[in-house]
Amino acid sequence: MKKICSIILVTIIGVLFLGFSNVSAKGHHVHHYHTVMGLRRARHPKFKVNSKVYLETGARKYMRHSHAKVVGVYRSKLYEVNYRPKHRKHVIRHYHWLVYKQISGHLRRGAHVRLKSNYGHMRSAYATIIDINNGPAYMVNYRPTNGGYVIKNYKWLSQSELKRR
């Protein structure tokens, strides 16, 4: 009986500390498709999961015109904001994109809101919504054009920022 309890306890501890980890071996933040922030899957997206696409945007260095694979498509509007990071003086302008789960407040153009995103210095920062895209919200894996490591689960892209390859 003690042996069985020990095995169960070790299994539970292993699952808690290893099985639910959301950081990959290379230190990249990883979300599983069905659990990303509680968002629902998009119905009838232009680019379905596993679609191969080109990225038409360049939010990060070496991102524009890179090859990508769609790994998630979610029902959410996308919000572009201007925000001031906590403990910083400068304002980040035209930040693309956040989903409604990352924002607290009235979700309309011009609204002053509070950010709930864990990305960078956004947590609890104040922001102004400057544009709203009707979605869906895409998550992709892409290889930078300089040939670096594949970036996994990059969030968020709008449909207009993707092109079929």
Protein backbone atom coordinates (compact mmCIF):
# COMPACT_ATOMS: atom_id res chain seq x y z
CA MET A 1 0.00 0.00 0.00
CA LYS A 2 2.84 2.39 0.87
CA LYS A 3 4.53 1.59 -2.45
CA ILE A 4 1.36 2.40 -4.41
CA CYS A 5 0.89 5.70 -2.53
CA SER A 6 4.53 6.59 -3.21
CA ILE A 7 4.14 5.89 -6.93
CA ILE A 8 0.96 7.97 -7.12
CA LEU A 9 2.59 10.85 -5.22
CA VAL A 10 5.68 10.80 -7.46
CA THR A 11 3.45 10.72 -10.56
CA ILE A 12 1.37 13.68 -9.37
CA ILE A 13 4.49 15.70 -8.52
CA GLY A 14 6.01 14.85 -11.90
CA VAL A 15 2.90 15.95 -13.77
CA LEU A 16 2.62 19.17 -11.78
CA PHE A 17 6.24 20.20 -12.23
CA LEU A 18 7.01 18.76 -15.65
CA GLY A 19 3.77 18.05 -17.48
CA PHE A 20 2.21 21.49 -17.14
CA SER A 21 5.33 23.51 -17.78
CA ASN A 22 4.78 26.29 -20.30
CA VAL A 23 8.43 27.05 -21.03
CA SER A 24 10.21 25.07 -23.73
CA ALA A 25 13.76 23.74 -23.46
CA LYS A 26 15.08 26.83 -25.27
CA GLY A 27 13.29 29.17 -22.86
CA HIS A 28 10.53 30.21 -25.29
CA HIS A 29 7.08 30.71 -23.78
CA VAL A 30 4.79 27.93 -25.00
CA HIS A 31 1.01 27.65 -24.93
CA HIS A 32 -0.95 24.64 -26.05
CA TYR A 33 -3.48 25.30 -28.82
CA HIS A 34 -6.61 24.40 -26.88
CA THR A 35 -5.72 26.32 -23.70
CA VAL A 36 -4.46 29.69 -24.91
CA MET A 37 -5.98 32.16 -22.48
CA GLY A 38 -9.36 30.44 -22.62
CA LEU A 39 -10.02 31.72 -26.14
CA ARG A 40 -12.37 29.80 -28.42
CA ARG A 41 -11.31 28.44 -31.79
CA ALA A 42 -12.32 30.58 -34.75
CA ARG A 43 -15.02 29.27 -37.03
CA HIS A 44 -14.14 29.10 -40.73
CA PRO A 45 -10.90 31.11 -40.72
CA LYS A 46 -9.20 31.93 -44.02
CA PHE A 47 -6.04 30.17 -42.79
CA LYS A 48 -6.71 26.97 -40.84
CA VAL A 49 -4.40 25.36 -38.30
CA ASN A 50 -1.35 23.82 -40.05
CA SER A 51 -1.65 26.21 -43.03
CA LYS A 52 1.70 27.33 -44.42
CA VAL A 53 1.90 31.10 -44.80
CA TYR A 54 4.25 34.05 -45.34
CA LEU A 55 4.29 36.81 -42.77
CA GLU A 56 3.54 40.18 -44.32
CA THR A 57 4.46 42.06 -41.14
CA GLY A 58 7.67 42.90 -39.37
CA ALA A 59 6.88 43.36 -35.68
CA ARG A 60 10.21 41.72 -34.82
CA LYS A 61 13.57 41.78 -36.52
CA TYR A 62 13.79 39.24 -39.39
CA MET A 63 10.08 38.48 -39.17
CA ARG A 64 8.80 40.14 -42.34
CA HIS A 65 8.52 37.75 -45.34
CA SER A 66 9.43 34.74 -43.22
CA HIS A 67 7.86 31.30 -43.62
CA ALA A 68 5.35 30.37 -40.94
CA LYS A 69 2.85 27.71 -39.95
CA VAL A 70 -0.48 28.57 -38.32
CA VAL A 71 -0.73 26.78 -34.96
CA GLY A 72 -3.83 28.50 -33.57
CA VAL A 73 -6.78 30.57 -34.79
CA TYR A 74 -9.03 32.18 -32.18
CA ARG A 75 -12.27 34.12 -32.05
CA SER A 76 -11.26 37.53 -30.78
CA LYS A 77 -11.01 41.08 -31.91
CA LEU A 78 -7.45 42.39 -31.98
CA TYR A 79 -6.62 45.67 -30.28
CA GLU A 80 -3.87 48.12 -31.18
CA VAL A 81 -2.81 50.30 -28.25
CA ASN A 82 -0.52 53.08 -27.13
CA TYR A 83 0.79 52.35 -23.64
CA ARG A 84 3.32 53.55 -21.09
CA PRO A 85 5.24 50.68 -19.48
CA LYS A 86 5.32 50.78 -15.70
CA HIS A 87 8.44 52.49 -14.36
CA ARG A 88 9.31 53.95 -17.77
CA LYS A 89 8.91 57.45 -19.17
CA HIS A 90 8.39 56.80 -22.88
CA VAL A 91 5.14 55.71 -24.52
CA ILE A 92 5.05 52.68 -26.81
CA ARG A 93 2.95 53.70 -29.79
CA HIS A 94 0.90 51.50 -32.13
CA TYR A 95 1.53 48.19 -30.33
CA HIS A 96 -0.04 45.35 -32.39
CA TRP A 97 -1.94 43.21 -31.11
CA LEU A 98 -3.70 42.30 -27.90
CA VAL A 99 -6.82 40.17 -27.45
CA TYR A 100 -9.70 41.07 -25.16
CA LYS A 101 -8.43 38.74 -22.41
CA GLN A 102 -5.30 40.93 -22.12
CA ILE A 103 -7.23 44.17 -21.53
CA SER A 104 -9.32 45.41 -18.62
CA GLY A 105 -11.82 48.18 -19.34
CA HIS A 106 -14.22 49.32 -22.05
CA LEU A 107 -13.13 47.78 -25.33
CA ARG A 108 -13.77 50.60 -27.76
CA ARG A 109 -11.59 52.93 -29.83
CA GLY A 110 -10.25 55.81 -27.71
CA ALA A 111 -10.93 54.06 -24.39
CA HIS A 112 -8.38 54.30 -21.58
CA VAL A 113 -7.78 50.76 -20.32
CA ARG A 114 -5.46 48.72 -18.15
CA LEU A 115 -3.38 45.90 -19.63
CA LYS A 116 -3.36 42.39 -18.19
CA SER A 117 -0.75 40.98 -20.57
CA ASN A 118 2.33 39.31 -19.10
CA TYR A 119 4.44 40.37 -22.08
CA GLY A 120 7.36 42.68 -21.28
CA HIS A 121 6.45 45.69 -19.19
CA MET A 122 2.74 45.61 -20.06
CA ARG A 123 1.34 44.13 -16.86
CA SER A 124 -0.92 46.71 -15.20
CA ALA A 125 0.21 49.43 -17.61
CA TYR A 126 -2.32 52.02 -18.69
CA ALA A 127 -3.14 52.19 -22.39
CA THR A 128 -5.38 53.81 -24.96
CA ILE A 129 -7.06 51.67 -27.63
CA ILE A 130 -6.31 53.29 -30.98
CA ASP A 131 -7.59 50.66 -33.40
CA ILE A 132 -9.66 47.49 -33.42
CA ASN A 133 -9.37 44.64 -35.93
CA ASN A 134 -12.32 42.26 -36.13
CA GLY A 135 -10.08 39.19 -36.07
CA PRO A 136 -9.61 36.29 -35.97
CA ALA A 137 -6.43 36.20 -33.90
CA TYR A 138 -3.69 33.98 -35.34
CA MET A 139 -0.82 32.29 -33.53
CA VAL A 140 2.10 31.02 -35.63
CA ASN A 141 5.45 29.27 -35.55
CA TYR A 142 7.94 31.01 -37.84
CA ARG A 143 11.59 30.88 -38.82
CA PRO A 144 13.26 34.32 -38.97
CA THR A 145 14.63 35.30 -42.38
CA ASN A 146 18.19 35.30 -40.95
CA GLY A 147 17.89 31.52 -40.45
CA GLY A 148 17.70 31.60 -36.64
CA TYR A 149 15.74 29.26 -34.38
CA VAL A 150 12.04 28.74 -35.03
CA ILE A 151 9.94 31.10 -32.93
CA LYS A 152 7.08 29.06 -31.49
CA ASN A 153 3.58 30.25 -30.68
CA TYR A 154 4.04 33.88 -31.70
CA LYS A 155 0.93 35.82 -30.73
CA TRP A 156 -0.95 37.73 -32.29
CA LEU A 157 -1.35 38.32 -36.01
CA SER A 158 -4.34 39.50 -37.99
CA GLN A 159 -5.56 37.81 -41.16
CA SER A 160 -4.32 40.71 -43.31
CA GLU A 161 -0.75 40.11 -42.06
CA LEU A 162 -0.65 36.58 -43.49
CA LYS A 163 -0.34 35.39 -47.08
CA ARG A 164 -0.76 31.83 -48.33
CA ARG A 165 2.40 30.14 -49.63
